[in-house]
N, C-alpha and C. Protein backbone atom coordinates (compact mmCIF):
# COMPACT_ATOMS: atom_id res chain seq x y z
N UNK A 1 0.63 -1.32 0.37
CA UNK A 1 -0.21 -0.16 0.08
C UNK A 1 0.93 1.20 -0.25
N UNK A 2 1.74 0.74 0.27
CA UNK A 2 3.12 2.10 0.09
C UNK A 2 3.02 3.42 -1.18
N UNK A 3 2.39 2.44 -2.86
CA UNK A 3 2.22 3.34 -3.57
C UNK A 3 1.19 4.70 -3.36
N UNK A 4 0.02 3.59 -2.72
CA UNK A 4 -1.10 4.74 -2.60
C UNK A 4 -0.68 6.12 -2.00
N UNK A 5 -0.27 5.35 -0.59
CA UNK A 5 0.10 6.26 0.50
C UNK A 5 1.12 7.47 -0.25
N UNK A 6 1.89 7.05 -1.20
CA UNK A 6 2.81 7.91 -2.09
C UNK A 6 2.32 8.94 -3.06
N UNK A 7 0.95 8.50 -3.45
CA UNK A 7 0.37 8.95 -4.36
C UNK A 7 -0.31 9.99 -3.61
N UNK A 8 -1.25 9.76 -2.66
CA UNK A 8 -1.93 10.75 -1.34
C UNK A 8 -0.78 11.70 -0.80
N UNK A 9 0.00 11.62 -0.26
CA UNK A 9 1.12 11.90 -0.08
C UNK A 9 1.33 13.27 -1.05
N UNK A 10 1.15 12.89 -2.28
CA UNK A 10 1.68 13.82 -3.39
C UNK A 10 0.15 14.92 -3.56
N UNK A 11 -0.19 14.49 -2.95
CA UNK A 11 -1.73 15.47 -2.84
C UNK A 11 -1.50 16.76 -2.56
N UNK A 12 -0.95 16.62 -1.88
CA UNK A 12 -0.78 17.98 -0.26
C UNK A 12 0.03 18.97 -1.52
N UNK A 13 0.64 18.31 -2.57
CA UNK A 13 1.44 19.36 -3.26
C UNK A 13 1.11 19.91 -4.40
N UNK A 14 -0.53 19.37 -4.59
CA UNK A 14 -1.03 19.34 -5.52
C UNK A 14 -0.92 18.31 -6.64
N UNK A 15 -0.30 17.20 -6.78
CA UNK A 15 -0.38 16.71 -8.15
C UNK A 15 -1.28 16.22 -8.32
N UNK A 16 -1.71 16.24 -9.84
CA UNK A 16 -2.61 15.83 -10.41
C UNK A 16 -3.17 14.38 -10.67
N UNK A 17 -4.09 14.22 -11.07
CA UNK A 17 -4.69 12.65 -11.00
C UNK A 17 -4.26 12.30 -12.39
N UNK A 18 -3.75 10.96 -12.49
CA UNK A 18 -3.69 10.50 -13.80
C UNK A 18 -4.81 9.69 -14.43
N UNK A 19 -4.99 10.10 -15.44
CA UNK A 19 -6.25 9.68 -16.20
C UNK A 19 -5.90 8.19 -16.54
N UNK A 20 -4.94 7.80 -16.77
CA UNK A 20 -4.97 6.24 -17.03
C UNK A 20 -4.95 5.06 -15.77
N UNK A 21 -5.03 5.72 -14.66
CA UNK A 21 -5.36 5.11 -13.82
C UNK A 21 -6.78 4.35 -13.88
N UNK A 22 -6.40 2.98 -13.60
CA UNK A 22 -7.88 1.71 -13.50
C UNK A 22 -8.67 1.96 -12.46
N UNK A 23 -10.11 1.67 -12.54
CA UNK A 23 -11.10 1.89 -11.56
C UNK A 23 -10.62 1.38 -10.34
N UNK A 24 -9.93 0.05 -10.25
CA UNK A 24 -9.88 -0.42 -8.56
C UNK A 24 -8.62 0.79 -8.06
N UNK A 25 -7.49 1.02 -8.82
CA UNK A 25 -6.55 1.82 -8.43
C UNK A 25 -7.18 3.28 -8.14
N UNK A 26 -8.02 3.87 -8.60
CA UNK A 26 -8.41 4.82 -8.18
C UNK A 26 -9.17 4.89 -7.23
N UNK A 27 -9.87 3.49 -7.34
CA UNK A 27 -11.12 3.60 -6.01
C UNK A 27 -10.66 3.05 -4.72
N UNK A 28 -9.04 2.64 -4.46
CA UNK A 28 -8.24 2.15 -3.64
C UNK A 28 -7.60 3.35 -2.79
N UNK A 29 -7.30 4.31 -4.12
CA UNK A 29 -6.69 5.51 -3.33
C UNK A 29 -7.69 6.53 -2.78
N UNK A 30 -9.31 6.17 -3.53
CA UNK A 30 -10.07 7.36 -2.90
C UNK A 30 -10.06 7.11 -1.58
N UNK A 31 -10.46 5.70 -1.41
CA UNK A 31 -10.90 5.13 -0.14
C UNK A 31 -9.67 5.36 0.95
N UNK A 32 -8.38 5.64 0.58
CA UNK A 32 -7.15 6.17 1.22
C UNK A 32 -7.47 7.52 1.78
N UNK A 33 -7.80 8.29 0.66
CA UNK A 33 -8.10 9.68 0.81
C UNK A 33 -8.91 9.91 2.18
N UNK A 34 -10.29 9.26 1.90
CA UNK A 34 -11.09 9.21 2.89
C UNK A 34 -10.49 8.67 4.06
N UNK A 35 -10.19 8.22 4.09
CA UNK A 35 -9.64 7.65 5.45
C UNK A 35 -8.80 8.51 6.49
N UNK A 36 -8.00 9.33 5.54
CA UNK A 36 -7.25 10.10 5.97
C UNK A 36 -7.90 11.21 6.70
N UNK A 37 -9.13 11.61 5.86
CA UNK A 37 -9.54 12.77 5.83
C UNK A 37 -10.37 12.92 7.30
N UNK A 38 -11.21 11.41 7.81
CA UNK A 38 -11.89 11.10 8.58
C UNK A 38 -10.91 11.15 9.94
N UNK A 39 -9.44 10.26 9.33
CA UNK A 39 -8.78 10.33 11.20
C UNK A 39 -8.49 11.55 11.63
N UNK A 40 -8.48 12.87 10.26
CA UNK A 40 -8.14 14.42 10.69
C UNK A 40 -6.69 14.24 11.19
N UNK A 41 -6.21 15.13 11.86
CA UNK A 41 -4.39 15.83 12.40
C UNK A 41 -4.33 16.29 10.85
N UNK A 42 -4.49 16.81 9.95
CA UNK A 42 -3.95 17.51 9.16
C UNK A 42 -4.25 18.56 8.86
N UNK A 43 -3.74 19.59 8.39
CA UNK A 43 -3.55 21.16 8.23
C UNK A 43 -4.89 21.22 7.44
N UNK A 44 -5.10 22.63 7.45
CA UNK A 44 -6.52 22.60 6.51
C UNK A 44 -5.83 22.87 5.28
N UNK A 45 -4.84 23.31 4.56
CA UNK A 45 -3.90 22.98 3.13
C UNK A 45 -4.18 21.44 3.09
N UNK A 46 -3.42 20.85 4.03
CA UNK A 46 -3.63 19.37 3.78
C UNK A 46 -4.66 18.68 3.71
N UNK A 47 -5.68 19.06 4.21
CA UNK A 47 -7.31 18.47 4.24
C UNK A 47 -7.70 18.76 2.68
N UNK A 48 -7.71 20.07 2.70
CA UNK A 48 -8.24 20.55 0.90
C UNK A 48 -7.59 20.28 0.17
N UNK A 49 -6.04 20.00 -0.02
CA UNK A 49 -5.47 19.03 -1.14
C UNK A 49 -5.72 17.77 -1.44
N UNK A 50 -6.34 17.19 0.10
CA UNK A 50 -7.07 15.39 -0.42
C UNK A 50 -8.27 15.59 -0.51
N UNK A 51 -9.43 16.59 -0.54
CA UNK A 51 -10.75 16.77 -0.83
C UNK A 51 -10.73 16.83 -2.17
N UNK A 52 -9.39 17.94 -2.63
CA UNK A 52 -9.50 18.19 -3.99
C UNK A 52 -8.95 16.67 -4.75
N UNK A 53 -7.96 16.28 -4.33
CA UNK A 53 -7.56 14.60 -4.56
C UNK A 53 -8.71 13.46 -4.85
N UNK A 54 -9.35 13.69 -3.89
CA UNK A 54 -10.74 13.04 -3.69
C UNK A 54 -11.70 12.97 -4.52
N UNK A 55 -12.12 14.53 -5.01
CA UNK A 55 -12.65 14.93 -6.21
C UNK A 55 -12.36 14.33 -7.28
N UNK A 56 -11.17 14.02 -7.73
CA UNK A 56 -10.71 13.78 -8.98
C UNK A 56 -10.81 12.52 -9.42
N UNK A 57 -10.47 11.95 -8.22
CA UNK A 57 -10.28 10.69 -7.67
C UNK A 57 -11.89 9.83 -8.27
N UNK A 58 -12.87 10.61 -7.88
CA UNK A 58 -14.52 10.26 -7.96
C UNK A 58 -14.75 10.09 -9.52
N UNK A 59 -13.94 11.16 -10.24
CA UNK A 59 -14.62 11.72 -11.12
C UNK A 59 -13.77 10.52 -12.10
N UNK A 60 -12.74 9.93 -12.23
CA UNK A 60 -12.12 8.95 -12.85
C UNK A 60 -12.94 7.74 -12.13
N UNK A 61 -13.36 7.27 -11.07
CA UNK A 61 -14.42 6.39 -10.88
C UNK A 61 -15.39 6.16 -11.82
N UNK A 62 -16.21 7.88 -11.60
CA UNK A 62 -17.47 7.70 -12.18
C UNK A 62 -17.63 7.30 -13.91
N UNK A 63 -15.85 8.00 -14.64
CA UNK A 63 -16.03 7.72 -16.01
C UNK A 63 -15.91 6.23 -16.09
N UNK A 64 -15.07 5.59 -15.30
CA UNK A 64 -15.07 3.90 -15.70
C UNK A 64 -16.39 3.23 -15.64
N UNK A 65 -17.37 4.15 -14.38
CA UNK A 65 -18.79 3.19 -14.22
C UNK A 65 -19.38 3.74 -15.29
N UNK A 66 -19.44 4.79 -15.61
CA UNK A 66 -20.41 5.37 -17.01
C UNK A 66 -20.00 4.56 -18.37
N UNK A 67 -18.98 4.47 -18.59
CA UNK A 67 -18.18 3.36 -19.38
C UNK A 67 -18.67 2.00 -19.56
N UNK A 68 -18.45 1.28 -18.14
CA UNK A 68 -19.00 0.44 -18.30
C UNK A 68 -20.51 0.03 -18.38
N UNK A 69 -21.12 1.14 -17.70
CA UNK A 69 -22.68 1.27 -18.18
C UNK A 69 -23.07 1.07 -19.56
N UNK A 70 -22.40 1.75 -20.24
CA UNK A 70 -22.49 2.10 -21.77
C UNK A 70 -21.95 0.56 -22.58
N UNK A 71 -21.21 0.41 -22.12
CA UNK A 71 -20.62 -1.31 -23.05
C UNK A 71 -22.05 -2.11 -22.67
N UNK A 72 -22.20 -2.27 -20.89
CA UNK A 72 -23.53 -3.00 -20.55
C UNK A 72 -24.90 -2.90 -21.59
N UNK A 73 -25.22 -1.50 -21.89
CA UNK A 73 -26.22 -0.94 -22.22
C UNK A 73 -26.08 -1.63 -23.86
N UNK A 74 -25.32 -1.50 -24.39
CA UNK A 74 -24.82 -1.69 -25.67
C UNK A 74 -24.98 -3.25 -25.99
N UNK A 75 -24.46 -3.91 -25.27
CA UNK A 75 -24.60 -5.69 -25.06
C UNK A 75 -26.08 -5.87 -24.80
N UNK A 76 -26.79 -5.50 -24.23
CA UNK A 76 -28.00 -5.85 -24.01
C UNK A 76 -28.87 -5.61 -25.12
N UNK A 77 -28.72 -3.98 -25.80
CA UNK A 77 -29.07 -3.62 -27.22
C UNK A 77 -29.33 -4.83 -27.73
N UNK A 78 -28.22 -4.85 -28.16
CA UNK A 78 -27.77 -5.83 -29.31
C UNK A 78 -28.17 -7.51 -29.10
N UNK A 79 -28.77 -8.00 -28.26
CA UNK A 79 -29.29 -8.98 -27.57
C UNK A 79 -30.79 -9.04 -27.34
N UNK A 80 -31.42 -7.70 -27.75
CA UNK A 80 -32.73 -7.66 -27.59
C UNK A 80 -33.29 -8.41 -28.56
N UNK A 81 -34.40 -8.71 -28.63
CA UNK A 81 -35.61 -9.37 -29.89
C UNK A 81 -36.27 -8.24 -30.59
N UNK A 82 -36.34 -7.03 -29.65
CA UNK A 82 -36.49 -5.69 -30.79
C UNK A 82 -35.59 -5.79 -32.12
N UNK A 83 -34.18 -5.67 -31.27
CA UNK A 83 -32.68 -5.34 -32.35
C UNK A 83 -33.20 -6.50 -32.86
N UNK A 84 -33.18 -7.73 -32.98
CA UNK A 84 -32.95 -8.78 -33.68
C UNK A 84 -34.18 -8.81 -34.63
N UNK A 85 -35.35 -8.60 -34.39
CA UNK A 85 -36.36 -8.36 -35.56
C UNK A 85 -36.41 -7.36 -36.43
N UNK A 86 -35.46 -6.65 -35.90
CA UNK A 86 -35.68 -5.58 -37.17
C UNK A 86 -34.14 -5.67 -37.94
N UNK A 87 -33.56 -6.42 -37.70
CA UNK A 87 -32.00 -6.79 -38.17
C UNK A 87 -32.42 -7.62 -39.17
N UNK A 88 -33.89 -8.36 -39.21
CA UNK A 88 -34.04 -9.98 -40.06
C UNK A 88 -34.47 -9.00 -41.16
N UNK A 89 -35.50 -8.05 -41.35
CA UNK A 89 -36.24 -7.08 -42.86
C UNK A 89 -35.77 -6.72 -43.11
């Protein structure tokens, strides 16, 4: 978990979120950010940086989930009876 801690520590310096983060990596880092915020003991500046990092990580997770939903919807639409009947005409 050292990598997550290193990345979260960089949040205090305003490091941008890597857009190539996978869903699980972004989620795990977001969990760590929330844990640190809930634990307290950080300065106002550190807390704000962690909050901003968490917001960016949440956006990465949302993009992954939205993409997964779109793929699922497309797969379901391809297999639906209405779509199959239209293709046969």
